[in-house]
Amino acid sequence: MPNNYRIAKVSALLKKEITLILQNNLENDLIRDHFINISKIDLSGDLQHCKIYVTSTAQDKVMKEIVANLNTAKSSIRRILGKRIEMRRVPEIIFKDDIVLNKGLSVLKLLDELKNKNQDNNDEGKDANI
């Protein structure tokens, strides 16, 4: 049975170090020009596989390009990680686009539109009663 505390600690360390690598060590202009945030890290129980979910202020098409560039640079990111942290084996890395945040924002936007529409209908009803 995996130790959840250990997985959480390693995930936090990986998130911190990968964020620093993305900011300082990558020479990719597309990645440097857009604000990239690591929203979630899924680490397997044996610490061998790591899914890194990223978000960005970029549009969908550019975001897919960013994720593709990150996946092509994952071997160099892994090599830099191996030098920075002390682990028996640095996990295999896969970058993925975090669509949950975008879906949540679109739902909030729809709810806000419905709320405004409902308030407009209530305001019209008050004006008719006067």
N, C-alpha and C. Protein backbone atom coordinates (compact mmCIF):
# COMPACT_ATOMS: atom_id res chain seq x y z
N MET A 1 0.85 -1.18 0.00
CA MET A 1 0.00 0.00 0.00
C MET A 1 0.89 1.24 0.00
N PRO A 2 0.65 2.14 -0.95
CA PRO A 2 1.50 3.33 -1.03
C PRO A 2 1.25 4.28 0.13
N ASN A 3 2.28 4.98 0.48
CA ASN A 3 2.20 5.95 1.57
C ASN A 3 1.73 7.29 0.98
N ASN A 4 0.49 7.70 1.30
CA ASN A 4 -0.08 8.92 0.72
C ASN A 4 0.70 10.16 1.13
N TYR A 5 1.22 10.17 2.34
CA TYR A 5 2.02 11.31 2.79
C TYR A 5 3.28 11.45 1.94
N ARG A 6 3.91 10.33 1.65
CA ARG A 6 5.12 10.36 0.82
C ARG A 6 4.79 10.82 -0.60
N ILE A 7 3.72 10.33 -1.16
CA ILE A 7 3.32 10.73 -2.51
C ILE A 7 3.02 12.23 -2.54
N ALA A 8 2.35 12.74 -1.53
CA ALA A 8 2.04 14.17 -1.47
C ALA A 8 3.32 15.00 -1.37
N LYS A 9 4.26 14.55 -0.56
CA LYS A 9 5.54 15.29 -0.43
C LYS A 9 6.33 15.29 -1.74
N VAL A 10 6.41 14.13 -2.38
CA VAL A 10 7.14 14.05 -3.65
C VAL A 10 6.43 14.87 -4.72
N SER A 11 5.11 14.84 -4.74
CA SER A 11 4.35 15.64 -5.72
C SER A 11 4.61 17.12 -5.53
N ALA A 12 4.62 17.58 -4.29
CA ALA A 12 4.89 18.99 -4.02
C ALA A 12 6.30 19.37 -4.45
N LEU A 13 7.26 18.49 -4.19
CA LEU A 13 8.64 18.76 -4.61
C LEU A 13 8.76 18.79 -6.12
N LEU A 14 8.12 17.85 -6.80
CA LEU A 14 8.15 17.84 -8.26
C LEU A 14 7.50 19.09 -8.84
N LYS A 15 6.38 19.50 -8.27
CA LYS A 15 5.69 20.70 -8.75
C LYS A 15 6.58 21.93 -8.62
N LYS A 16 7.24 22.06 -7.49
CA LYS A 16 8.12 23.20 -7.26
C LYS A 16 9.29 23.20 -8.24
N GLU A 17 9.94 22.06 -8.38
CA GLU A 17 11.13 21.99 -9.23
C GLU A 17 10.78 22.12 -10.71
N ILE A 18 9.69 21.50 -11.14
CA ILE A 18 9.30 21.61 -12.55
C ILE A 18 8.88 23.03 -12.88
N THR A 19 8.23 23.71 -11.96
CA THR A 19 7.88 25.12 -12.17
C THR A 19 9.13 25.95 -12.38
N LEU A 20 10.15 25.72 -11.54
CA LEU A 20 11.41 26.45 -11.70
C LEU A 20 12.10 26.12 -13.02
N ILE A 21 12.03 24.87 -13.42
CA ILE A 21 12.64 24.48 -14.70
C ILE A 21 11.92 25.15 -15.86
N LEU A 22 10.58 25.19 -15.81
CA LEU A 22 9.82 25.83 -16.89
C LEU A 22 10.13 27.32 -16.97
N GLN A 23 10.35 27.96 -15.83
CA GLN A 23 10.63 29.39 -15.81
C GLN A 23 12.05 29.71 -16.25
N ASN A 24 13.01 28.87 -15.87
CA ASN A 24 14.41 29.27 -16.02
C ASN A 24 15.23 28.47 -17.02
N ASN A 25 14.92 27.20 -17.24
CA ASN A 25 15.83 26.36 -17.98
C ASN A 25 15.42 26.02 -19.40
N LEU A 26 14.18 26.23 -19.77
CA LEU A 26 13.76 25.87 -21.12
C LEU A 26 13.97 27.03 -22.08
N GLU A 27 14.44 26.71 -23.27
CA GLU A 27 14.75 27.72 -24.27
C GLU A 27 13.64 27.86 -25.32
N ASN A 28 12.46 27.35 -25.04
CA ASN A 28 11.35 27.40 -25.98
C ASN A 28 10.61 28.73 -25.83
N ASP A 29 10.54 29.50 -26.91
CA ASP A 29 9.89 30.81 -26.87
C ASP A 29 8.39 30.71 -26.60
N LEU A 30 7.76 29.69 -27.15
CA LEU A 30 6.32 29.54 -26.95
C LEU A 30 5.99 29.33 -25.47
N ILE A 31 6.82 28.56 -24.79
CA ILE A 31 6.61 28.30 -23.37
C ILE A 31 6.95 29.54 -22.55
N ARG A 32 7.99 30.24 -22.93
CA ARG A 32 8.40 31.44 -22.19
C ARG A 32 7.42 32.60 -22.36
N ASP A 33 6.78 32.71 -23.53
CA ASP A 33 5.91 33.84 -23.82
C ASP A 33 4.54 33.75 -23.13
N HIS A 34 4.13 32.56 -22.74
CA HIS A 34 2.81 32.39 -22.12
C HIS A 34 2.97 31.97 -20.66
N PHE A 35 2.08 32.47 -19.86
CA PHE A 35 2.06 32.11 -18.45
C PHE A 35 1.55 30.68 -18.32
N ILE A 36 2.39 29.79 -17.80
CA ILE A 36 2.03 28.39 -17.65
C ILE A 36 2.01 28.05 -16.16
N ASN A 37 0.94 27.40 -15.75
CA ASN A 37 0.77 27.03 -14.35
C ASN A 37 0.55 25.52 -14.26
N ILE A 38 1.21 24.89 -13.32
CA ILE A 38 0.97 23.48 -13.06
C ILE A 38 -0.19 23.40 -12.09
N SER A 39 -1.31 22.88 -12.56
CA SER A 39 -2.51 22.86 -11.72
C SER A 39 -2.61 21.59 -10.88
N LYS A 40 -2.08 20.49 -11.39
CA LYS A 40 -2.23 19.24 -10.67
C LYS A 40 -1.14 18.27 -11.09
N ILE A 41 -0.70 17.45 -10.16
CA ILE A 41 0.26 16.39 -10.46
C ILE A 41 -0.32 15.08 -9.95
N ASP A 42 -0.46 14.11 -10.86
CA ASP A 42 -0.87 12.76 -10.49
C ASP A 42 0.36 11.87 -10.50
N LEU A 43 0.74 11.41 -9.34
CA LEU A 43 1.92 10.56 -9.20
C LEU A 43 1.46 9.16 -8.84
N SER A 44 1.99 8.17 -9.54
CA SER A 44 1.59 6.79 -9.27
C SER A 44 2.11 6.36 -7.89
N GLY A 45 1.52 5.31 -7.36
CA GLY A 45 1.88 4.83 -6.03
C GLY A 45 3.32 4.36 -5.92
N ASP A 46 3.88 3.88 -7.03
CA ASP A 46 5.27 3.41 -7.01
C ASP A 46 6.26 4.51 -7.41
N LEU A 47 5.76 5.73 -7.59
CA LEU A 47 6.57 6.91 -7.94
C LEU A 47 7.29 6.76 -9.28
N GLN A 48 6.75 5.97 -10.19
CA GLN A 48 7.41 5.74 -11.47
C GLN A 48 6.79 6.55 -12.61
N HIS A 49 5.55 6.96 -12.48
CA HIS A 49 4.85 7.69 -13.53
C HIS A 49 4.21 8.95 -12.96
N CYS A 50 4.29 10.02 -13.73
CA CYS A 50 3.80 11.30 -13.26
C CYS A 50 3.05 12.01 -14.39
N LYS A 51 1.78 12.32 -14.17
CA LYS A 51 1.00 13.12 -15.11
C LYS A 51 0.95 14.53 -14.56
N ILE A 52 1.37 15.49 -15.38
CA ILE A 52 1.41 16.88 -14.96
C ILE A 52 0.38 17.64 -15.78
N TYR A 53 -0.62 18.20 -15.10
CA TYR A 53 -1.68 18.95 -15.76
C TYR A 53 -1.32 20.43 -15.71
N VAL A 54 -1.30 21.06 -16.90
CA VAL A 54 -0.91 22.47 -16.99
C VAL A 54 -2.06 23.29 -17.51
N THR A 55 -2.11 24.54 -17.05
CA THR A 55 -3.06 25.52 -17.56
C THR A 55 -2.27 26.72 -18.05
N SER A 56 -2.91 27.52 -18.87
CA SER A 56 -2.25 28.69 -19.41
C SER A 56 -3.29 29.73 -19.78
N THR A 57 -2.82 30.95 -19.94
CA THR A 57 -3.68 32.02 -20.39
C THR A 57 -3.84 31.99 -21.91
N ALA A 58 -3.12 31.11 -22.57
CA ALA A 58 -3.17 31.01 -24.02
C ALA A 58 -4.50 30.39 -24.47
N GLN A 59 -4.81 30.61 -25.74
CA GLN A 59 -6.02 30.04 -26.31
C GLN A 59 -5.83 28.54 -26.54
N ASP A 60 -6.92 27.84 -26.85
CA ASP A 60 -6.89 26.38 -26.95
C ASP A 60 -5.87 25.86 -27.95
N LYS A 61 -5.82 26.47 -29.11
CA LYS A 61 -4.91 26.00 -30.16
C LYS A 61 -3.46 26.17 -29.72
N VAL A 62 -3.13 27.30 -29.13
CA VAL A 62 -1.77 27.55 -28.65
C VAL A 62 -1.47 26.65 -27.47
N MET A 63 -2.46 26.38 -26.63
CA MET A 63 -2.26 25.53 -25.47
C MET A 63 -1.88 24.11 -25.89
N LYS A 64 -2.51 23.62 -26.94
CA LYS A 64 -2.17 22.28 -27.45
C LYS A 64 -0.73 22.26 -27.95
N GLU A 65 -0.29 23.34 -28.57
CA GLU A 65 1.10 23.45 -29.02
C GLU A 65 2.06 23.46 -27.83
N ILE A 66 1.69 24.19 -26.79
CA ILE A 66 2.53 24.27 -25.59
C ILE A 66 2.68 22.89 -24.97
N VAL A 67 1.58 22.16 -24.85
CA VAL A 67 1.62 20.81 -24.27
C VAL A 67 2.49 19.89 -25.14
N ALA A 68 2.36 20.02 -26.46
CA ALA A 68 3.19 19.20 -27.35
C ALA A 68 4.67 19.55 -27.18
N ASN A 69 4.99 20.83 -27.06
CA ASN A 69 6.38 21.23 -26.84
C ASN A 69 6.91 20.74 -25.49
N LEU A 70 6.07 20.79 -24.46
CA LEU A 70 6.49 20.28 -23.16
C LEU A 70 6.75 18.78 -23.22
N ASN A 71 5.92 18.05 -23.95
CA ASN A 71 6.12 16.60 -24.06
C ASN A 71 7.37 16.26 -24.87
N THR A 72 7.74 17.11 -25.82
CA THR A 72 8.99 16.85 -26.55
C THR A 72 10.20 17.20 -25.70
N ALA A 73 10.03 18.12 -24.75
CA ALA A 73 11.15 18.53 -23.88
C ALA A 73 11.19 17.75 -22.57
N LYS A 74 10.32 16.75 -22.43
CA LYS A 74 10.23 16.05 -21.14
C LYS A 74 11.50 15.29 -20.78
N SER A 75 12.26 14.83 -21.76
CA SER A 75 13.50 14.12 -21.43
C SER A 75 14.54 15.06 -20.82
N SER A 76 14.62 16.29 -21.37
CA SER A 76 15.56 17.25 -20.78
C SER A 76 15.07 17.73 -19.42
N ILE A 77 13.76 17.88 -19.26
CA ILE A 77 13.20 18.26 -17.96
C ILE A 77 13.50 17.17 -16.93
N ARG A 78 13.36 15.94 -17.34
CA ARG A 78 13.62 14.81 -16.45
C ARG A 78 15.10 14.74 -16.06
N ARG A 79 15.97 15.03 -17.02
CA ARG A 79 17.41 15.03 -16.75
C ARG A 79 17.78 16.12 -15.74
N ILE A 80 17.20 17.31 -15.92
CA ILE A 80 17.45 18.41 -14.98
C ILE A 80 16.90 18.07 -13.60
N LEU A 81 15.71 17.44 -13.57
CA LEU A 81 15.13 17.00 -12.29
C LEU A 81 16.05 16.03 -11.58
N GLY A 82 16.64 15.11 -12.33
CA GLY A 82 17.54 14.13 -11.74
C GLY A 82 18.75 14.77 -11.09
N LYS A 83 19.20 15.89 -11.62
CA LYS A 83 20.34 16.60 -11.03
C LYS A 83 19.92 17.39 -9.79
N ARG A 84 18.68 17.85 -9.76
CA ARG A 84 18.23 18.73 -8.68
C ARG A 84 17.71 17.99 -7.46
N ILE A 85 17.04 16.89 -7.66
CA ILE A 85 16.44 16.18 -6.53
C ILE A 85 17.10 14.82 -6.35
N GLU A 86 17.06 14.34 -5.14
CA GLU A 86 17.66 13.06 -4.81
C GLU A 86 16.56 12.00 -4.77
N MET A 87 16.46 11.27 -5.86
CA MET A 87 15.51 10.17 -5.94
C MET A 87 16.22 8.99 -6.58
N ARG A 88 15.80 7.81 -6.21
CA ARG A 88 16.38 6.62 -6.81
C ARG A 88 16.12 6.63 -8.31
N ARG A 89 14.91 6.96 -8.69
CA ARG A 89 14.55 7.02 -10.11
C ARG A 89 13.56 8.17 -10.29
N VAL A 90 13.87 9.07 -11.18
CA VAL A 90 12.96 10.18 -11.48
C VAL A 90 11.80 9.61 -12.30
N PRO A 91 10.57 9.95 -11.95
CA PRO A 91 9.42 9.36 -12.65
C PRO A 91 9.33 9.78 -14.12
N GLU A 92 8.71 8.91 -14.91
CA GLU A 92 8.39 9.24 -16.30
C GLU A 92 7.35 10.35 -16.27
N ILE A 93 7.51 11.34 -17.14
CA ILE A 93 6.66 12.53 -17.11
C ILE A 93 5.79 12.58 -18.37
N ILE A 94 4.54 12.92 -18.17
CA ILE A 94 3.61 13.19 -19.28
C ILE A 94 2.89 14.48 -18.96
N PHE A 95 2.95 15.44 -19.87
CA PHE A 95 2.23 16.70 -19.70
C PHE A 95 0.88 16.60 -20.37
N LYS A 96 -0.14 17.12 -19.69
CA LYS A 96 -1.50 17.13 -20.23
C LYS A 96 -2.13 18.50 -20.00
N ASP A 97 -3.05 18.83 -20.89
CA ASP A 97 -3.81 20.07 -20.79
C ASP A 97 -4.91 19.88 -19.76
N ASP A 98 -5.00 20.78 -18.79
CA ASP A 98 -6.02 20.70 -17.76
C ASP A 98 -7.27 21.42 -18.24
N ILE A 99 -8.23 20.65 -18.71
CA ILE A 99 -9.45 21.25 -19.25
C ILE A 99 -10.50 21.48 -18.18
N VAL A 100 -10.29 20.95 -17.00
CA VAL A 100 -11.27 21.10 -15.91
C VAL A 100 -11.45 22.57 -15.55
N LEU A 101 -10.35 23.31 -15.49
CA LEU A 101 -10.43 24.72 -15.14
C LEU A 101 -11.22 25.50 -16.18
N ASN A 102 -10.96 25.23 -17.46
CA ASN A 102 -11.69 25.93 -18.52
C ASN A 102 -13.18 25.59 -18.50
N LYS A 103 -13.50 24.32 -18.24
CA LYS A 103 -14.91 23.93 -18.16
C LYS A 103 -15.58 24.60 -16.97
N GLY A 104 -14.88 24.66 -15.86
CA GLY A 104 -15.44 25.32 -14.67
C GLY A 104 -15.70 26.79 -14.92
N LEU A 105 -14.76 27.45 -15.60
CA LEU A 105 -14.95 28.87 -15.90
C LEU A 105 -16.12 29.09 -16.85
N SER A 106 -16.30 28.19 -17.82
CA SER A 106 -17.42 28.34 -18.75
C SER A 106 -18.75 28.12 -18.03
N VAL A 107 -18.80 27.20 -17.07
CA VAL A 107 -20.02 26.97 -16.30
C VAL A 107 -20.33 28.20 -15.45
N LEU A 108 -19.31 28.76 -14.81
CA LEU A 108 -19.52 29.97 -14.01
C LEU A 108 -20.01 31.13 -14.87
N LYS A 109 -19.48 31.23 -16.08
CA LYS A 109 -19.91 32.29 -17.00
C LYS A 109 -21.38 32.11 -17.37
N LEU A 110 -21.78 30.87 -17.66
CA LEU A 110 -23.18 30.60 -17.99
C LEU A 110 -24.10 30.90 -16.80
N LEU A 111 -23.69 30.53 -15.61
CA LEU A 111 -24.50 30.83 -14.43
C LEU A 111 -24.65 32.33 -14.21
N ASP A 112 -23.57 33.05 -14.46
CA ASP A 112 -23.61 34.51 -14.32
C ASP A 112 -24.56 35.12 -15.35
N GLU A 113 -24.54 34.61 -16.58
CA GLU A 113 -25.44 35.11 -17.62
C GLU A 113 -26.89 34.83 -17.24
N LEU A 114 -27.16 33.62 -16.72
CA LEU A 114 -28.52 33.29 -16.30
C LEU A 114 -28.98 34.18 -15.15
N LYS A 115 -28.09 34.46 -14.23
CA LYS A 115 -28.43 35.32 -13.10
C LYS A 115 -28.77 36.73 -13.60
N ASN A 116 -27.95 37.26 -14.50
CA ASN A 116 -28.21 38.60 -15.05
C ASN A 116 -29.51 38.62 -15.84
N LYS A 117 -29.78 37.56 -16.60
CA LYS A 117 -31.02 37.49 -17.38
C LYS A 117 -32.24 37.44 -16.45
N ASN A 118 -32.13 36.69 -15.36
CA ASN A 118 -33.21 36.58 -14.39
C ASN A 118 -33.45 37.93 -13.70
N GLN A 119 -32.38 38.65 -13.36
CA GLN A 119 -32.54 39.96 -12.75
C GLN A 119 -33.18 40.95 -13.72
N ASP A 120 -32.83 40.86 -15.00
CA ASP A 120 -33.44 41.74 -16.00
C ASP A 120 -34.93 41.46 -16.13
N ASN A 121 -35.32 40.18 -16.10
CA ASN A 121 -36.73 39.82 -16.18
C ASN A 121 -37.49 40.31 -14.95
N ASN A 122 -36.89 40.21 -13.78
CA ASN A 122 -37.53 40.69 -12.55
C ASN A 122 -37.67 42.21 -12.57
N ASP A 123 -36.67 42.91 -13.10
CA ASP A 123 -36.73 44.37 -13.19
C ASP A 123 -37.83 44.81 -14.15
N GLU A 124 -38.04 44.08 -15.25
CA GLU A 124 -39.10 44.42 -16.20
C GLU A 124 -40.46 44.21 -15.57
N GLY A 125 -40.60 43.14 -14.77
CA GLY A 125 -41.85 42.85 -14.08
C GLY A 125 -42.21 43.93 -13.08
N LYS A 126 -41.25 44.49 -12.40
CA LYS A 126 -41.48 45.58 -11.44
C LYS A 126 -41.94 46.83 -12.15
N ASP A 127 -41.33 47.11 -13.31
CA ASP A 127 -41.69 48.30 -14.07
C ASP A 127 -43.14 48.21 -14.58
N ALA A 128 -43.60 47.00 -14.92
CA ALA A 128 -44.95 46.82 -15.42
C ALA A 128 -45.99 47.03 -14.31
N ASN A 129 -45.63 46.75 -13.08
CA ASN A 129 -46.56 46.90 -11.96
C ASN A 129 -46.73 48.35 -11.55
N ILE A 130 -45.83 49.22 -11.92
CA ILE A 130 -45.89 50.62 -11.49
C ILE A 130 -46.86 51.41 -12.29
